[in-house]
Amino acid sequence: MRTILNTPDAPAHDSLVEKKSEFIGDACHIDSQDDAMAFVELIREQHPKARHVAFAAVWGGSDGQLGERMSDDGEPSGTAGKPILDVLRQSGLTDCVVCVTRYFGGILLGSGGLIRAYSSAASLAVKAAKGANIVPCRRYGTTIGYPQLTMMRQLVSRAGGTVENEDFTDRVAMTIAIPADAASTFETRVRETFNAAVALDPCGTLNSPVADQAG
């Protein structure tokens, strides 16, 4: 599966005009239904004069169970939220929400026109987003000295992993996530690079987003 990396304060964004109505698509990453609803409210606050703010959200899936929610926000049933949700499903996306804000231009579009417009605006927002594959990862904890920090970050980057947390005191405590298929090689490189002076403490597994190389 895939997700969107754009944050709620910097969502992916695009728009189109159909028969004088403007349809504005915004998309971002979420971790829960509450996150999705908070983003919808944020978009409403940004567009107080808009006629409709329709949305669809998908979250979860690591256990095989996806949560979904959508809203037509006053548009005829099935003409707004469902087309947006269909875009997310067809894109294989999870842990994201897409809002499409409509400024009514005075010309009725009909059910078919609305479905096409909401679907197109959602697709544009998804296309503008920074995407990531969700892959199984192994998580490690480690504590290193400051002279080792740059090299450790480089090893994590080369393995396609992420540094989830760094705590700076007299030493640096790190939490690292490495794609499962690269974990064994990563462990070997850490051992060889630091002459076995750095210990990696396995601390579980997770499904983590790994950004597309093209960005």
C-alpha atoms as a PDB file:
ATOM      1  CA  MET A   1       0.000   0.000   0.000  1.00  0.00           C
ATOM      2  CA  ARG A   2       0.937   3.642  -0.301  1.00  0.00           C
ATOM      3  CA  THR A   3       0.401   6.830   1.632  1.00  0.00           C
ATOM      4  CA  ILE A   4       0.844  10.590   1.319  1.00  0.00           C
ATOM      5  CA  LEU A   5       3.623  12.310   3.262  1.00  0.00           C
ATOM      6  CA  ASN A   6       2.385  15.920   3.071  1.00  0.00           C
ATOM      7  CA  THR A   7       1.508  17.240   6.508  1.00  0.00           C
ATOM      8  CA  PRO A   8      -1.750  19.031   7.445  1.00  0.00           C
ATOM      9  CA  ASP A   9       0.050  22.371   7.638  1.00  0.00           C
ATOM     10  CA  ALA A  10       1.571  21.874   4.163  1.00  0.00           C
ATOM     11  CA  PRO A  11      -0.912  19.721   2.229  1.00  0.00           C
ATOM     12  CA  ALA A  12      -0.695  18.772  -1.422  1.00  0.00           C
ATOM     13  CA  HIS A  13      -2.846  21.242  -3.340  1.00  0.00           C
ATOM     14  CA  ASP A  14      -4.336  21.750  -6.795  1.00  0.00           C
ATOM     15  CA  SER A  15      -7.570  22.995  -8.322  1.00  0.00           C
ATOM     16  CA  LEU A  16      -9.734  23.172 -11.418  1.00  0.00           C
ATOM     17  CA  VAL A  17     -12.655  25.220 -12.733  1.00  0.00           C
ATOM     18  CA  GLU A  18     -15.732  23.552 -14.213  1.00  0.00           C
ATOM     19  CA  LYS A  19     -18.531  25.754 -15.565  1.00  0.00           C
ATOM     20  CA  LYS A  20     -17.471  28.644 -13.313  1.00  0.00           C
ATOM     21  CA  SER A  21     -17.377  26.472 -10.163  1.00  0.00           C
ATOM     22  CA  GLU A  22     -13.927  26.162  -8.598  1.00  0.00           C
ATOM     23  CA  PHE A  23     -12.959  22.800  -7.087  1.00  0.00           C
ATOM     24  CA  ILE A  24      -9.930  22.921  -4.771  1.00  0.00           C
ATOM     25  CA  GLY A  25      -8.240  19.686  -3.742  1.00  0.00           C
ATOM     26  CA  ASP A  26      -6.090  19.354  -0.598  1.00  0.00           C
ATOM     27  CA  ALA A  27      -4.501  16.116   0.608  1.00  0.00           C
ATOM     28  CA  CYS A  28      -2.391  15.167   3.610  1.00  0.00           C
ATOM     29  CA  HIS A  29      -1.174  12.293   5.774  1.00  0.00           C
ATOM     30  CA  ILE A  30      -3.177  11.186   8.811  1.00  0.00           C
ATOM     31  CA  ASP A  31      -2.765   8.538  11.505  1.00  0.00           C
ATOM     32  CA  SER A  32      -6.390   8.306  12.616  1.00  0.00           C
ATOM     33  CA  GLN A  33      -9.979   9.336  11.931  1.00  0.00           C
ATOM     34  CA  ASP A  34      -9.580  12.172  14.431  1.00  0.00           C
ATOM     35  CA  ASP A  35      -6.658  13.528  12.401  1.00  0.00           C
ATOM     36  CA  ALA A  36      -8.828  13.421   9.275  1.00  0.00           C
ATOM     37  CA  MET A  37     -11.665  15.350  10.881  1.00  0.00           C
ATOM     38  CA  ALA A  38      -9.264  17.936  12.288  1.00  0.00           C
ATOM     39  CA  PHE A  39      -7.914  18.529   8.768  1.00  0.00           C
ATOM     40  CA  VAL A  40     -11.423  18.886   7.349  1.00  0.00           C
ATOM     41  CA  GLU A  41     -12.188  21.536   9.969  1.00  0.00           C
ATOM     42  CA  LEU A  42      -8.928  23.303   9.129  1.00  0.00           C
ATOM     43  CA  ILE A  43      -9.932  23.474   5.462  1.00  0.00           C
ATOM     44  CA  ARG A  44     -13.401  24.756   6.404  1.00  0.00           C
ATOM     45  CA  GLU A  45     -11.791  27.548   8.425  1.00  0.00           C
ATOM     46  CA  GLN A  46      -9.641  28.492   5.441  1.00  0.00           C
ATOM     47  CA  HIS A  47     -12.675  28.652   3.119  1.00  0.00           C
ATOM     48  CA  PRO A  48     -15.534  30.159   5.154  1.00  0.00           C
ATOM     49  CA  LYS A  49     -17.393  31.309   2.028  1.00  0.00           C
ATOM     50  CA  ALA A  50     -17.201  28.004   0.153  1.00  0.00           C
ATOM     51  CA  ARG A  51     -20.484  26.238  -0.606  1.00  0.00           C
ATOM     52  CA  HIS A  52     -19.188  22.699   0.069  1.00  0.00           C
ATOM     53  CA  VAL A  53     -16.156  20.957   1.586  1.00  0.00           C
ATOM     54  CA  ALA A  54     -16.502  17.293   0.654  1.00  0.00           C
ATOM     55  CA  PHE A  55     -13.895  14.745   1.757  1.00  0.00           C
ATOM     56  CA  ALA A  56     -12.842  11.132   2.000  1.00  0.00           C
ATOM     57  CA  ALA A  57     -10.319   9.536   4.349  1.00  0.00           C
ATOM     58  CA  VAL A  58      -8.715   6.108   4.656  1.00  0.00           C
ATOM     59  CA  TRP A  59      -6.588   4.870   7.545  1.00  0.00           C
ATOM     60  CA  GLY A  60      -5.138   1.631   8.929  1.00  0.00           C
ATOM     61  CA  GLY A  61      -4.593  -1.521   6.933  1.00  0.00           C
ATOM     62  CA  SER A  62      -1.558  -3.020   8.681  1.00  0.00           C
ATOM     63  CA  ASP A  63      -3.874  -5.637  10.184  1.00  0.00           C
ATOM     64  CA  GLY A  64      -5.872  -6.053   6.988  1.00  0.00           C
ATOM     65  CA  GLN A  65      -8.631  -3.742   8.224  1.00  0.00           C
ATOM     66  CA  LEU A  66      -9.075  -0.317   6.646  1.00  0.00           C
ATOM     67  CA  GLY A  67     -11.151   2.474   8.157  1.00  0.00           C
ATOM     68  CA  GLU A  68     -12.958   4.788   5.754  1.00  0.00           C
ATOM     69  CA  ARG A  69     -15.070   7.906   6.078  1.00  0.00           C
ATOM     70  CA  MET A  70     -16.521  10.298   3.526  1.00  0.00           C
ATOM     71  CA  SER A  71     -18.965  13.188   3.234  1.00  0.00           C
ATOM     72  CA  ASP A  72     -20.837  14.865   0.375  1.00  0.00           C
ATOM     73  CA  ASP A  73     -21.281  17.972   2.555  1.00  0.00           C
ATOM     74  CA  GLY A  74     -24.617  18.911   1.050  1.00  0.00           C
ATOM     75  CA  GLU A  75     -24.005  17.827  -2.533  1.00  0.00           C
ATOM     76  CA  PRO A  76     -26.424  15.223  -3.959  1.00  0.00           C
ATOM     77  CA  SER A  77     -25.776  11.816  -2.419  1.00  0.00           C
ATOM     78  CA  GLY A  78     -22.887   9.962  -4.038  1.00  0.00           C
ATOM     79  CA  THR A  79     -21.631  12.865  -6.154  1.00  0.00           C
ATOM     80  CA  ALA A  80     -18.767  14.158  -3.962  1.00  0.00           C
ATOM     81  CA  GLY A  81     -17.473  11.992  -1.112  1.00  0.00           C
ATOM     82  CA  LYS A  82     -17.767   8.724  -3.040  1.00  0.00           C
ATOM     83  CA  PRO A  83     -15.782   9.938  -6.094  1.00  0.00           C
ATOM     84  CA  ILE A  84     -13.046  11.199  -3.769  1.00  0.00           C
ATOM     85  CA  LEU A  85     -12.986   7.889  -1.895  1.00  0.00           C
ATOM     86  CA  ASP A  86     -12.815   6.000  -5.195  1.00  0.00           C
ATOM     87  CA  VAL A  87      -9.660   7.945  -6.097  1.00  0.00           C
ATOM     88  CA  LEU A  88      -8.034   6.878  -2.819  1.00  0.00           C
ATOM     89  CA  ARG A  89      -9.060   3.252  -3.302  1.00  0.00           C
ATOM     90  CA  GLN A  90      -7.901   3.108  -6.912  1.00  0.00           C
ATOM     91  CA  SER A  91      -4.563   4.656  -5.911  1.00  0.00           C
ATOM     92  CA  GLY A  92      -4.050   2.039  -3.196  1.00  0.00           C
ATOM     93  CA  LEU A  93      -3.699   4.764  -0.569  1.00  0.00           C
ATOM     94  CA  THR A  94      -4.126   4.631   3.184  1.00  0.00           C
ATOM     95  CA  ASP A  95      -3.449   6.964   6.125  1.00  0.00           C
ATOM     96  CA  CYS A  96      -4.524  10.047   4.182  1.00  0.00           C
ATOM     97  CA  VAL A  97      -7.425  12.427   3.680  1.00  0.00           C
ATOM     98  CA  VAL A  98      -8.476  14.435   0.637  1.00  0.00           C
ATOM     99  CA  CYS A  99     -10.770  17.460   0.868  1.00  0.00           C
ATOM    100  CA  VAL A 100     -12.338  19.067  -2.183  1.00  0.00           C
ATOM    101  CA  THR A 101     -13.683  22.553  -1.590  1.00  0.00           C
ATOM    102  CA  ARG A 102     -16.274  23.908  -4.040  1.00  0.00           C
ATOM    103  CA  TYR A 103     -17.009  27.534  -4.743  1.00  0.00           C
ATOM    104  CA  PHE A 104     -20.315  27.471  -6.635  1.00  0.00           C
ATOM    105  CA  GLY A 105     -20.224  29.366  -9.910  1.00  0.00           C
ATOM    106  CA  GLY A 106     -23.958  29.625 -10.511  1.00  0.00           C
ATOM    107  CA  ILE A 107     -24.281  26.857 -13.105  1.00  0.00           C
ATOM    108  CA  LEU A 108     -25.647  23.448 -12.127  1.00  0.00           C
ATOM    109  CA  LEU A 109     -23.388  20.586 -13.209  1.00  0.00           C
ATOM    110  CA  GLY A 110     -25.734  17.645 -12.770  1.00  0.00           C
ATOM    111  CA  SER A 111     -24.782  14.403 -11.042  1.00  0.00           C
ATOM    112  CA  GLY A 112     -22.384  13.293 -13.765  1.00  0.00           C
ATOM    113  CA  GLY A 113     -20.640  16.638 -13.881  1.00  0.00           C
ATOM    114  CA  LEU A 114     -20.239  16.757 -10.113  1.00  0.00           C
ATOM    115  CA  ILE A 115     -18.799  13.238  -9.966  1.00  0.00           C
ATOM    116  CA  ARG A 116     -16.258  14.057 -12.661  1.00  0.00           C
ATOM    117  CA  ALA A 117     -15.288  17.365 -11.060  1.00  0.00           C
ATOM    118  CA  TYR A 118     -14.826  15.994  -7.543  1.00  0.00           C
ATOM    119  CA  SER A 119     -12.955  12.975  -8.858  1.00  0.00           C
ATOM    120  CA  SER A 120     -10.684  15.146 -10.997  1.00  0.00           C
ATOM    121  CA  ALA A 121      -9.917  17.577  -8.167  1.00  0.00           C
ATOM    122  CA  ALA A 122      -9.103  14.690  -5.822  1.00  0.00           C
ATOM    123  CA  SER A 123      -6.866  13.110  -8.465  1.00  0.00           C
ATOM    124  CA  LEU A 124      -5.012  16.398  -8.963  1.00  0.00           C
ATOM    125  CA  ALA A 125      -4.373  16.713  -5.216  1.00  0.00           C
ATOM    126  CA  VAL A 126      -3.108  13.124  -5.006  1.00  0.00           C
ATOM    127  CA  LYS A 127      -0.887  13.668  -8.048  1.00  0.00           C
ATOM    128  CA  ALA A 128       0.591  16.784  -6.413  1.00  0.00           C
ATOM    129  CA  ALA A 129       1.335  14.905  -3.190  1.00  0.00           C
ATOM    130  CA  LYS A 130       4.643  13.448  -2.098  1.00  0.00           C
ATOM    131  CA  GLY A 131       4.018   9.695  -2.107  1.00  0.00           C
ATOM    132  CA  ALA A 132       5.526   6.836  -0.146  1.00  0.00           C
ATOM    133  CA  ASN A 133       5.308   3.069  -0.126  1.00  0.00           C
ATOM    134  CA  ILE A 134       4.380   1.510   3.205  1.00  0.00           C
ATOM    135  CA  VAL A 135       6.891  -1.240   3.908  1.00  0.00           C
ATOM    136  CA  PRO A 136       7.596  -3.578   6.860  1.00  0.00           C
ATOM    137  CA  CYS A 137      10.444  -2.166   8.937  1.00  0.00           C
ATOM    138  CA  ARG A 138      12.559  -3.183  11.886  1.00  0.00           C
ATOM    139  CA  ARG A 139      13.043  -0.623  14.625  1.00  0.00           C
ATOM    140  CA  TYR A 140      16.289  -0.243  16.533  1.00  0.00           C
ATOM    141  CA  GLY A 141      17.448   1.784  19.485  1.00  0.00           C
ATOM    142  CA  THR A 142      21.087   2.782  19.870  1.00  0.00           C
ATOM    143  CA  THR A 143      23.247   5.232  21.783  1.00  0.00           C
ATOM    144  CA  ILE A 144      26.311   6.721  20.113  1.00  0.00           C
ATOM    145  CA  GLY A 145      28.875   9.453  20.583  1.00  0.00           C
ATOM    146  CA  TYR A 146      28.648  12.761  18.760  1.00  0.00           C
ATOM    147  CA  PRO A 147      31.600  11.937  16.445  1.00  0.00           C
ATOM    148  CA  GLN A 148      29.637   8.894  15.210  1.00  0.00           C
ATOM    149  CA  LEU A 149      26.390  10.740  14.475  1.00  0.00           C
ATOM    150  CA  THR A 150      27.010  11.824  10.886  1.00  0.00           C
ATOM    151  CA  MET A 151      28.152   8.374   9.817  1.00  0.00           C
ATOM    152  CA  MET A 152      25.181   6.679  11.495  1.00  0.00           C
ATOM    153  CA  ARG A 153      22.755   8.993   9.721  1.00  0.00           C
ATOM    154  CA  GLN A 154      24.464   8.163   6.425  1.00  0.00           C
ATOM    155  CA  LEU A 155      24.166   4.424   7.055  1.00  0.00           C
ATOM    156  CA  VAL A 156      20.467   4.808   7.830  1.00  0.00           C
ATOM    157  CA  SER A 157      19.921   6.844   4.661  1.00  0.00           C
ATOM    158  CA  ARG A 158      21.802   4.337   2.489  1.00  0.00           C
ATOM    159  CA  ALA A 159      19.610   1.539   3.870  1.00  0.00           C
ATOM    160  CA  GLY A 160      16.475   3.477   2.897  1.00  0.00           C
ATOM    161  CA  GLY A 161      15.542   3.933   6.550  1.00  0.00           C
ATOM    162  CA  THR A 162      14.522   6.830   8.745  1.00  0.00           C
ATOM    163  CA  VAL A 163      15.708   8.299  12.018  1.00  0.00           C
ATOM    164  CA  GLU A 164      12.544   8.465  14.088  1.00  0.00           C
ATOM    165  CA  ASN A 165      13.997  10.194  17.131  1.00  0.00           C
ATOM    166  CA  GLU A 166      17.241  11.678  18.435  1.00  0.00           C
ATOM    167  CA  ASP A 167      17.787  12.603  22.100  1.00  0.00           C
ATOM    168  CA  PHE A 168      20.867  14.738  22.731  1.00  0.00           C
ATOM    169  CA  THR A 169      22.551  14.593  26.141  1.00  0.00           C
ATOM    170  CA  ASP A 170      26.207  13.718  26.760  1.00  0.00           C
ATOM    171  CA  ARG A 171      25.601  11.121  24.005  1.00  0.00           C
ATOM    172  CA  VAL A 172      22.968  10.697  21.287  1.00  0.00           C
ATOM    173  CA  ALA A 173      20.143   8.211  21.795  1.00  0.00           C
ATOM    174  CA  MET A 174      18.533   7.280  18.472  1.00  0.00           C
ATOM    175  CA  THR A 175      15.482   5.343  17.361  1.00  0.00           C
ATOM    176  CA  ILE A 176      15.848   4.051  13.808  1.00  0.00           C
ATOM    177  CA  ALA A 177      13.487   2.292  11.374  1.00  0.00           C
ATOM    178  CA  ILE A 178      15.035   0.183   8.591  1.00  0.00           C
ATOM    179  CA  PRO A 179      13.136  -1.664   5.804  1.00  0.00           C
ATOM    180  CA  ALA A 180      13.031  -5.335   6.776  1.00  0.00           C
ATOM    181  CA  ASP A 181      14.691  -6.499   3.570  1.00  0.00           C
ATOM    182  CA  ALA A 182      17.670  -4.187   4.241  1.00  0.00           C
ATOM    183  CA  ALA A 183      17.941  -4.780   7.985  1.00  0.00           C
ATOM    184  CA  SER A 184      20.507  -7.592   7.912  1.00  0.00           C
ATOM    185  CA  THR A 185      22.852  -5.623   5.632  1.00  0.00           C
ATOM    186  CA  PHE A 186      22.382  -2.530   7.800  1.00  0.00           C
ATOM    187  CA  GLU A 187      23.347  -4.439  10.947  1.00  0.00           C
ATOM    188  CA  THR A 188      26.484  -5.739   9.231  1.00  0.00           C
ATOM    189  CA  ARG A 189      27.499  -2.288   8.014  1.00  0.00           C
ATOM    190  CA  VAL A 190      27.010  -0.744  11.447  1.00  0.00           C
ATOM    191  CA  ARG A 191      29.112  -3.492  13.020  1.00  0.00           C
ATOM    192  CA  GLU A 192      31.890  -3.098  10.438  1.00  0.00           C
ATOM    193  CA  THR A 193      31.831   0.720  10.360  1.00  0.00           C
ATOM    194  CA  PHE A 194      32.105   1.133  14.118  1.00  0.00           C
ATOM    195  CA  ASN A 195      34.211  -1.969  14.782  1.00  0.00           C
ATOM    196  CA  ALA A 196      31.428  -3.515  16.878  1.00  0.00           C
ATOM    197  CA  ALA A 197      31.562  -0.531  19.263  1.00  0.00           C
ATOM    198  CA  VAL A 198      27.933   0.457  18.538  1.00  0.00           C
ATOM    199  CA  ALA A 199      25.136  -1.829  19.690  1.00  0.00           C
ATOM    200  CA  LEU A 200      21.774  -1.983  17.935  1.00  0.00           C
ATOM    201  CA  ASP A 201      18.904  -2.901  20.244  1.00  0.00           C
ATOM    202  CA  PRO A 202      15.974  -4.386  18.268  1.00  0.00           C
ATOM    203  CA  CYS A 203      12.743  -2.857  19.578  1.00  0.00           C
ATOM    204  CA  GLY A 204       9.988  -4.237  17.414  1.00  0.00           C
ATOM    205  CA  THR A 205       8.606  -4.013  13.911  1.00  0.00           C
ATOM    206  CA  LEU A 206       6.257  -1.599  12.194  1.00  0.00           C
ATOM    207  CA  ASN A 207       4.819  -0.649   8.835  1.00  0.00           C
ATOM    208  CA  SER A 208       6.520   2.572   7.875  1.00  0.00           C
ATOM    209  CA  PRO A 209       6.212   4.952   4.898  1.00  0.00           C
ATOM    210  CA  VAL A 210       9.330   5.095   2.726  1.00  0.00           C
ATOM    211  CA  ALA A 211       9.345   8.100   0.409  1.00  0.00           C
ATOM    212  CA  ASP A 212       9.531   7.696  -3.368  1.00  0.00           C
ATOM    213  CA  GLN A 213      13.072   8.290  -4.606  1.00  0.00           C
ATOM    214  CA  ALA A 214      11.775  10.811  -7.131  1.00  0.00           C
ATOM    215  CA  GLY A 215      10.149  12.748  -4.280  1.00  0.00           C
END
